[in-house]
All heavy atoms as atom14 arrays in JSON, in Angstrom:
{
  "sequence": "RWGGSLLEEALLHGSPLILTVAPHAVAAEGGAGA",
  "atom14_mask": [
    [1, 1, 1, 1, 1, 1, 1, 1, 1, 1, 1, 0, 0, 0],
    [1, 1, 1, 1, 1, 1, 1, 1, 1, 1, 1, 1, 1, 1],
    [1, 1, 1, 1, 0, 0, 0, 0, 0, 0, 0, 0, 0, 0],
    [1, 1, 1, 1, 0, 0, 0, 0, 0, 0, 0, 0, 0, 0],
    [1, 1, 1, 1, 1, 1, 0, 0, 0, 0, 0, 0, 0, 0],
    [1, 1, 1, 1, 1, 1, 1, 1, 0, 0, 0, 0, 0, 0],
    [1, 1, 1, 1, 1, 1, 1, 1, 0, 0, 0, 0, 0, 0],
    [1, 1, 1, 1, 1, 1, 1, 1, 1, 0, 0, 0, 0, 0],
    [1, 1, 1, 1, 1, 1, 1, 1, 1, 0, 0, 0, 0, 0],
    [1, 1, 1, 1, 1, 0, 0, 0, 0, 0, 0, 0, 0, 0],
    [1, 1, 1, 1, 1, 1, 1, 1, 0, 0, 0, 0, 0, 0],
    [1, 1, 1, 1, 1, 1, 1, 1, 0, 0, 0, 0, 0, 0],
    [1, 1, 1, 1, 1, 1, 1, 1, 1, 1, 0, 0, 0, 0],
    [1, 1, 1, 1, 0, 0, 0, 0, 0, 0, 0, 0, 0, 0],
    [1, 1, 1, 1, 1, 1, 0, 0, 0, 0, 0, 0, 0, 0],
    [1, 1, 1, 1, 1, 1, 1, 0, 0, 0, 0, 0, 0, 0],
    [1, 1, 1, 1, 1, 1, 1, 1, 0, 0, 0, 0, 0, 0],
    [1, 1, 1, 1, 1, 1, 1, 1, 0, 0, 0, 0, 0, 0],
    [1, 1, 1, 1, 1, 1, 1, 1, 0, 0, 0, 0, 0, 0],
    [1, 1, 1, 1, 1, 1, 1, 0, 0, 0, 0, 0, 0, 0],
    [1, 1, 1, 1, 1, 1, 1, 0, 0, 0, 0, 0, 0, 0],
    [1, 1, 1, 1, 1, 0, 0, 0, 0, 0, 0, 0, 0, 0],
    [1, 1, 1, 1, 1, 1, 1, 0, 0, 0, 0, 0, 0, 0],
    [1, 1, 1, 1, 1, 1, 1, 1, 1, 1, 0, 0, 0, 0],
    [1, 1, 1, 1, 1, 0, 0, 0, 0, 0, 0, 0, 0, 0],
    [1, 1, 1, 1, 1, 1, 1, 0, 0, 0, 0, 0, 0, 0],
    [1, 1, 1, 1, 1, 0, 0, 0, 0, 0, 0, 0, 0, 0],
    [1, 1, 1, 1, 1, 0, 0, 0, 0, 0, 0, 0, 0, 0],
    [1, 1, 1, 1, 1, 1, 1, 1, 1, 0, 0, 0, 0, 0],
    [1, 1, 1, 1, 0, 0, 0, 0, 0, 0, 0, 0, 0, 0],
    [1, 1, 1, 1, 0, 0, 0, 0, 0, 0, 0, 0, 0, 0],
    [1, 1, 1, 1, 1, 0, 0, 0, 0, 0, 0, 0, 0, 0],
    [1, 1, 1, 1, 0, 0, 0, 0, 0, 0, 0, 0, 0, 0],
    [1, 1, 1, 1, 1, 0, 0, 0, 0, 0, 0, 0, 0, 0]
  ],
  "atom14_positions": [
    [[0.84, -1.2, 0.0], [0.0, 0.0, 0.0], [0.87, 1.25, 0.0], [2.06, 1.21, 0.29], [-0.92, 0.02, 1.23], [-1.94, -1.12, 1.28], [-2.94, -1.04, 0.14], [-3.61, 0.24, 0.05], [-4.69, 0.59, 0.77], [-5.23, -0.27, 1.62], [-5.25, 1.78, 0.6], [0.0, 0.0, 0.0], [0.0, 0.0, 0.0], [0.0, 0.0, 0.0]],
    [[0.24, 2.35, -0.3], [0.87, 3.67, -0.25], [2.21, 3.69, -0.99], [3.23, 4.09, -0.45], [1.05, 4.13, 1.2], [-0.26, 4.37, 1.9], [-0.89, 3.56, 2.79], [-1.12, 5.51, 1.73], [-2.08, 4.1, 3.19], [-2.25, 5.31, 2.56], [-1.04, 6.68, 0.96], [-3.3, 6.21, 2.63], [-2.09, 7.6, 1.05], [-3.19, 7.37, 1.86]],
    [[2.15, 3.22, -2.23], [3.34, 3.3, -3.08], [4.5, 2.47, -2.59], [5.66, 2.78, -2.88], [0.0, 0.0, 0.0], [0.0, 0.0, 0.0], [0.0, 0.0, 0.0], [0.0, 0.0, 0.0], [0.0, 0.0, 0.0], [0.0, 0.0, 0.0], [0.0, 0.0, 0.0], [0.0, 0.0, 0.0], [0.0, 0.0, 0.0], [0.0, 0.0, 0.0]],
    [[4.2, 1.4, -1.82], [5.27, 0.54, -1.34], [5.85, 0.94, 0.0], [6.79, 0.32, 0.48], [0.0, 0.0, 0.0], [0.0, 0.0, 0.0], [0.0, 0.0, 0.0], [0.0, 0.0, 0.0], [0.0, 0.0, 0.0], [0.0, 0.0, 0.0], [0.0, 0.0, 0.0], [0.0, 0.0, 0.0], [0.0, 0.0, 0.0], [0.0, 0.0, 0.0]],
    [[5.28, 1.98, 0.64], [5.82, 2.45, 1.91], [5.35, 1.63, 3.1], [5.9, 1.74, 4.19], [5.47, 3.92, 2.13], [4.05, 4.1, 2.18], [0.0, 0.0, 0.0], [0.0, 0.0, 0.0], [0.0, 0.0, 0.0], [0.0, 0.0, 0.0], [0.0, 0.0, 0.0], [0.0, 0.0, 0.0], [0.0, 0.0, 0.0], [0.0, 0.0, 0.0]],
    [[4.31, 0.8, 2.91], [3.86, -0.04, 4.01], [3.19, -1.3, 3.46], [2.8, -1.37, 2.3], [2.9, 0.71, 4.94], [1.58, 1.25, 4.37], [0.49, 0.18, 4.37], [1.11, 2.43, 5.19], [0.0, 0.0, 0.0], [0.0, 0.0, 0.0], [0.0, 0.0, 0.0], [0.0, 0.0, 0.0], [0.0, 0.0, 0.0], [0.0, 0.0, 0.0]],
    [[3.09, -2.3, 4.34], [2.39, -3.54, 4.03], [1.12, -3.59, 4.88], [1.17, -3.32, 6.08], [3.26, -4.76, 4.3], [4.51, -4.92, 3.43], [5.33, -6.11, 3.92], [4.13, -5.1, 1.97], [0.0, 0.0, 0.0], [0.0, 0.0, 0.0], [0.0, 0.0, 0.0], [0.0, 0.0, 0.0], [0.0, 0.0, 0.0], [0.0, 0.0, 0.0]],
    [[0.03, -3.96, 4.27], [-1.25, -4.03, 4.96], [-1.72, -5.49, 5.02], [-1.71, -6.19, 4.01], [-2.3, -3.2, 4.21], [-3.71, -3.33, 4.77], [-4.74, -2.69, 3.86], [-5.09, -3.33, 2.84], [-5.16, -1.57, 4.15], [0.0, 0.0, 0.0], [0.0, 0.0, 0.0], [0.0, 0.0, 0.0], [0.0, 0.0, 0.0], [0.0, 0.0, 0.0]],
    [[-2.12, -5.93, 6.2], [-2.73, -7.25, 6.33], [-4.24, -7.07, 6.34], [-4.77, -6.26, 7.1], [-2.27, -7.94, 7.61], [-2.76, -9.37, 7.74], [-2.2, -10.08, 8.94], [-1.04, -10.53, 8.89], [-2.94, -10.18, 9.95], [0.0, 0.0, 0.0], [0.0, 0.0, 0.0], [0.0, 0.0, 0.0], [0.0, 0.0, 0.0], [0.0, 0.0, 0.0]],
    [[-4.93, -7.79, 5.49], [-6.37, -7.61, 5.34], [-7.06, -8.96, 5.18], [-6.43, -9.96, 4.82], [-6.67, -6.71, 4.14], [0.0, 0.0, 0.0], [0.0, 0.0, 0.0], [0.0, 0.0, 0.0], [0.0, 0.0, 0.0], [0.0, 0.0, 0.0], [0.0, 0.0, 0.0], [0.0, 0.0, 0.0], [0.0, 0.0, 0.0], [0.0, 0.0, 0.0]],
    [[-8.35, -8.97, 5.45], [-9.18, -10.16, 5.24], [-9.83, -10.05, 3.87], [-10.36, -9.0, 3.51], [-10.24, -10.28, 6.33], [-9.71, -10.41, 7.76], [-10.87, -10.48, 8.74], [-8.82, -11.64, 7.9], [0.0, 0.0, 0.0], [0.0, 0.0, 0.0], [0.0, 0.0, 0.0], [0.0, 0.0, 0.0], [0.0, 0.0, 0.0], [0.0, 0.0, 0.0]],
    [[-9.78, -11.13, 3.12], [-10.36, -11.16, 1.77], [-11.49, -12.19, 1.75], [-11.27, -13.38, 1.96], [-9.3, -11.5, 0.73], [-9.78, -11.6, -0.72], [-10.39, -10.28, -1.18], [-8.63, -12.0, -1.65], [0.0, 0.0, 0.0], [0.0, 0.0, 0.0], [0.0, 0.0, 0.0], [0.0, 0.0, 0.0], [0.0, 0.0, 0.0], [0.0, 0.0, 0.0]],
    [[-12.69, -11.7, 1.52], [-13.86, -12.56, 1.44], [-14.13, -12.91, -0.03], [-13.53, -12.37, -0.93], [-15.08, -11.85, 2.03], [-14.91, -11.48, 3.48], [-15.45, -12.22, 4.5], [-14.26, -10.44, 4.06], [-15.14, -11.65, 5.65], [-14.42, -10.57, 5.42], [0.0, 0.0, 0.0], [0.0, 0.0, 0.0], [0.0, 0.0, 0.0], [0.0, 0.0, 0.0]],
    [[-15.09, -13.79, -0.24], [-15.55, -14.07, -1.59], [-15.2, -15.46, -2.07], [-14.33, -16.14, -1.52], [0.0, 0.0, 0.0], [0.0, 0.0, 0.0], [0.0, 0.0, 0.0], [0.0, 0.0, 0.0], [0.0, 0.0, 0.0], [0.0, 0.0, 0.0], [0.0, 0.0, 0.0], [0.0, 0.0, 0.0], [0.0, 0.0, 0.0], [0.0, 0.0, 0.0]],
    [[-15.91, -15.88, -3.07], [-15.67, -17.17, -3.72], [-16.0, -17.01, -5.2], [-17.16, -16.77, -5.56], [-16.53, -18.27, -3.09], [-16.28, -19.5, -3.73], [0.0, 0.0, 0.0], [0.0, 0.0, 0.0], [0.0, 0.0, 0.0], [0.0, 0.0, 0.0], [0.0, 0.0, 0.0], [0.0, 0.0, 0.0], [0.0, 0.0, 0.0], [0.0, 0.0, 0.0]],
    [[-14.99, -17.08, -6.05], [-13.59, -17.35, -5.72], [-12.89, -16.12, -5.14], [-13.37, -15.0, -5.29], [-12.98, -17.7, -7.08], [-13.78, -16.86, -8.04], [-15.18, -16.88, -7.5], [0.0, 0.0, 0.0], [0.0, 0.0, 0.0], [0.0, 0.0, 0.0], [0.0, 0.0, 0.0], [0.0, 0.0, 0.0], [0.0, 0.0, 0.0], [0.0, 0.0, 0.0]],
    [[-11.74, -16.35, -4.49], [-10.88, -15.26, -4.09], [-10.29, -14.65, -5.35], [-9.91, -15.37, -6.27], [-9.76, -15.76, -3.18], [-10.18, -16.42, -1.86], [-8.95, -17.02, -1.18], [-10.89, -15.43, -0.95], [0.0, 0.0, 0.0], [0.0, 0.0, 0.0], [0.0, 0.0, 0.0], [0.0, 0.0, 0.0], [0.0, 0.0, 0.0], [0.0, 0.0, 0.0]],
    [[-10.21, -13.32, -5.41], [-9.68, -12.64, -6.59], [-8.57, -11.69, -6.13], [-8.81, -10.81, -5.29], [-10.78, -11.86, -7.34], [-11.92, -12.81, -7.74], [-10.2, -11.17, -8.57], [-13.11, -12.09, -8.36], [0.0, 0.0, 0.0], [0.0, 0.0, 0.0], [0.0, 0.0, 0.0], [0.0, 0.0, 0.0], [0.0, 0.0, 0.0], [0.0, 0.0, 0.0]],
    [[-7.37, -11.84, -6.68], [-6.27, -10.99, -6.27], [-5.2, -10.92, -7.35], [-5.13, -11.79, -8.22], [-5.63, -11.51, -4.98], [-4.95, -12.89, -5.04], [-3.66, -12.87, -4.22], [-5.89, -13.97, -4.51], [0.0, 0.0, 0.0], [0.0, 0.0, 0.0], [0.0, 0.0, 0.0], [0.0, 0.0, 0.0], [0.0, 0.0, 0.0], [0.0, 0.0, 0.0]],
    [[-4.38, -9.88, -7.27], [-3.21, -9.77, -8.13], [-1.96, -9.78, -7.25], [-2.0, -9.43, -6.07], [-3.23, -8.5, -9.0], [-3.25, -7.34, -8.15], [-4.43, -8.49, -9.92], [0.0, 0.0, 0.0], [0.0, 0.0, 0.0], [0.0, 0.0, 0.0], [0.0, 0.0, 0.0], [0.0, 0.0, 0.0], [0.0, 0.0, 0.0], [0.0, 0.0, 0.0]],
    [[-0.85, -10.18, -7.86], [0.42, -10.31, -7.15], [1.26, -9.07, -7.4], [1.47, -8.66, -8.55], [1.18, -11.57, -7.62], [2.51, -11.7, -6.88], [0.32, -12.81, -7.4], [0.0, 0.0, 0.0], [0.0, 0.0, 0.0], [0.0, 0.0, 0.0], [0.0, 0.0, 0.0], [0.0, 0.0, 0.0], [0.0, 0.0, 0.0], [0.0, 0.0, 0.0]],
    [[1.77, -8.47, -6.34], [2.61, -7.27, -6.47], [3.84, -7.58, -7.31], [4.45, -8.64, -7.15], [3.02, -6.77, -5.09], [0.0, 0.0, 0.0], [0.0, 0.0, 0.0], [0.0, 0.0, 0.0], [0.0, 0.0, 0.0], [0.0, 0.0, 0.0], [0.0, 0.0, 0.0], [0.0, 0.0, 0.0], [0.0, 0.0, 0.0], [0.0, 0.0, 0.0]],
    [[4.21, -6.67, -8.22], [5.4, -6.9, -9.04], [6.63, -7.17, -8.18], [6.89, -6.46, -7.21], [5.54, -5.6, -9.83], [4.15, -5.06, -9.91], [3.52, -5.42, -8.6], [0.0, 0.0, 0.0], [0.0, 0.0, 0.0], [0.0, 0.0, 0.0], [0.0, 0.0, 0.0], [0.0, 0.0, 0.0], [0.0, 0.0, 0.0], [0.0, 0.0, 0.0]],
    [[7.34, -8.24, -8.52], [8.6, -8.63, -7.88], [8.44, -9.03, -6.41], [9.41, -9.04, -5.66], [9.64, -7.5, -8.02], [9.77, -6.99, -9.42], [10.21, -7.79, -10.46], [9.47, -5.78, -9.98], [10.21, -7.08, -11.59], [9.75, -5.88, -11.33], [0.0, 0.0, 0.0], [0.0, 0.0, 0.0], [0.0, 0.0, 0.0], [0.0, 0.0, 0.0]],
    [[7.2, -9.37, -6.02], [7.0, -9.9, -4.67], [7.63, -11.28, -4.54], [8.09, -11.68, -3.47], [5.51, -9.98, -4.35], [0.0, 0.0, 0.0], [0.0, 0.0, 0.0], [0.0, 0.0, 0.0], [0.0, 0.0, 0.0], [0.0, 0.0, 0.0], [0.0, 0.0, 0.0], [0.0, 0.0, 0.0], [0.0, 0.0, 0.0], [0.0, 0.0, 0.0]],
    [[7.66, -12.01, -5.63], [8.35, -13.3, -5.71], [9.15, -13.32, -7.0], [8.83, -12.6, -7.95], [7.36, -14.5, -5.69], [6.58, -14.55, -4.39], [6.41, -14.43, -6.88], [0.0, 0.0, 0.0], [0.0, 0.0, 0.0], [0.0, 0.0, 0.0], [0.0, 0.0, 0.0], [0.0, 0.0, 0.0], [0.0, 0.0, 0.0], [0.0, 0.0, 0.0]],
    [[10.19, -14.13, -7.02], [10.96, -14.29, -8.25], [10.27, -15.32, -9.14], [9.71, -16.31, -8.65], [12.38, -14.74, -7.93], [0.0, 0.0, 0.0], [0.0, 0.0, 0.0], [0.0, 0.0, 0.0], [0.0, 0.0, 0.0], [0.0, 0.0, 0.0], [0.0, 0.0, 0.0], [0.0, 0.0, 0.0], [0.0, 0.0, 0.0], [0.0, 0.0, 0.0]],
    [[10.28, -15.08, -10.43], [9.72, -16.04, -11.38], [10.61, -17.27, -11.43], [11.78, -17.18, -11.8], [9.6, -15.41, -12.76], [0.0, 0.0, 0.0], [0.0, 0.0, 0.0], [0.0, 0.0, 0.0], [0.0, 0.0, 0.0], [0.0, 0.0, 0.0], [0.0, 0.0, 0.0], [0.0, 0.0, 0.0], [0.0, 0.0, 0.0], [0.0, 0.0, 0.0]],
    [[10.08, -18.4, -11.03], [10.87, -19.62, -10.96], [10.24, -20.72, -11.8], [9.16, -21.21, -11.48], [11.01, -20.1, -9.51], [11.8, -19.14, -8.63], [11.95, -19.65, -7.21], [11.38, -20.72, -6.91], [12.63, -18.98, -6.42], [0.0, 0.0, 0.0], [0.0, 0.0, 0.0], [0.0, 0.0, 0.0], [0.0, 0.0, 0.0], [0.0, 0.0, 0.0]],
    [[10.89, -21.06, -12.9], [10.45, -22.18, -13.71], [11.05, -23.46, -13.17], [11.42, -23.55, -12.0], [0.0, 0.0, 0.0], [0.0, 0.0, 0.0], [0.0, 0.0, 0.0], [0.0, 0.0, 0.0], [0.0, 0.0, 0.0], [0.0, 0.0, 0.0], [0.0, 0.0, 0.0], [0.0, 0.0, 0.0], [0.0, 0.0, 0.0], [0.0, 0.0, 0.0]],
    [[11.13, -24.45, -14.02], [11.77, -25.69, -13.61], [10.82, -26.76, -13.11], [11.26, -27.8, -12.64], [0.0, 0.0, 0.0], [0.0, 0.0, 0.0], [0.0, 0.0, 0.0], [0.0, 0.0, 0.0], [0.0, 0.0, 0.0], [0.0, 0.0, 0.0], [0.0, 0.0, 0.0], [0.0, 0.0, 0.0], [0.0, 0.0, 0.0], [0.0, 0.0, 0.0]],
    [[9.5, -26.48, -13.19], [8.54, -27.5, -12.75], [8.61, -28.73, -13.65], [8.31, -29.84, -13.25], [7.12, -26.93, -12.73], [0.0, 0.0, 0.0], [0.0, 0.0, 0.0], [0.0, 0.0, 0.0], [0.0, 0.0, 0.0], [0.0, 0.0, 0.0], [0.0, 0.0, 0.0], [0.0, 0.0, 0.0], [0.0, 0.0, 0.0], [0.0, 0.0, 0.0]],
    [[9.01, -28.48, -14.92], [9.23, -29.59, -15.84], [7.99, -30.29, -16.34], [8.08, -31.35, -16.94], [0.0, 0.0, 0.0], [0.0, 0.0, 0.0], [0.0, 0.0, 0.0], [0.0, 0.0, 0.0], [0.0, 0.0, 0.0], [0.0, 0.0, 0.0], [0.0, 0.0, 0.0], [0.0, 0.0, 0.0], [0.0, 0.0, 0.0], [0.0, 0.0, 0.0]],
    [[6.84, -29.71, -16.12], [5.59, -30.37, -16.52], [5.18, -29.94, -17.92], [5.55, -28.87, -18.4], [4.48, -30.03, -15.54], [0.0, 0.0, 0.0], [0.0, 0.0, 0.0], [0.0, 0.0, 0.0], [0.0, 0.0, 0.0], [0.0, 0.0, 0.0], [0.0, 0.0, 0.0], [0.0, 0.0, 0.0], [0.0, 0.0, 0.0], [0.0, 0.0, 0.0]]
  ]
}
């Protein structure tokens, strides 16, 4: 939140859950080999 200056913990309701992943929150890792 706030341009990356803080992290917010929140409750997400709904079915299905709908969300997007913050850029570079995780590294793109291939290698599953499937």
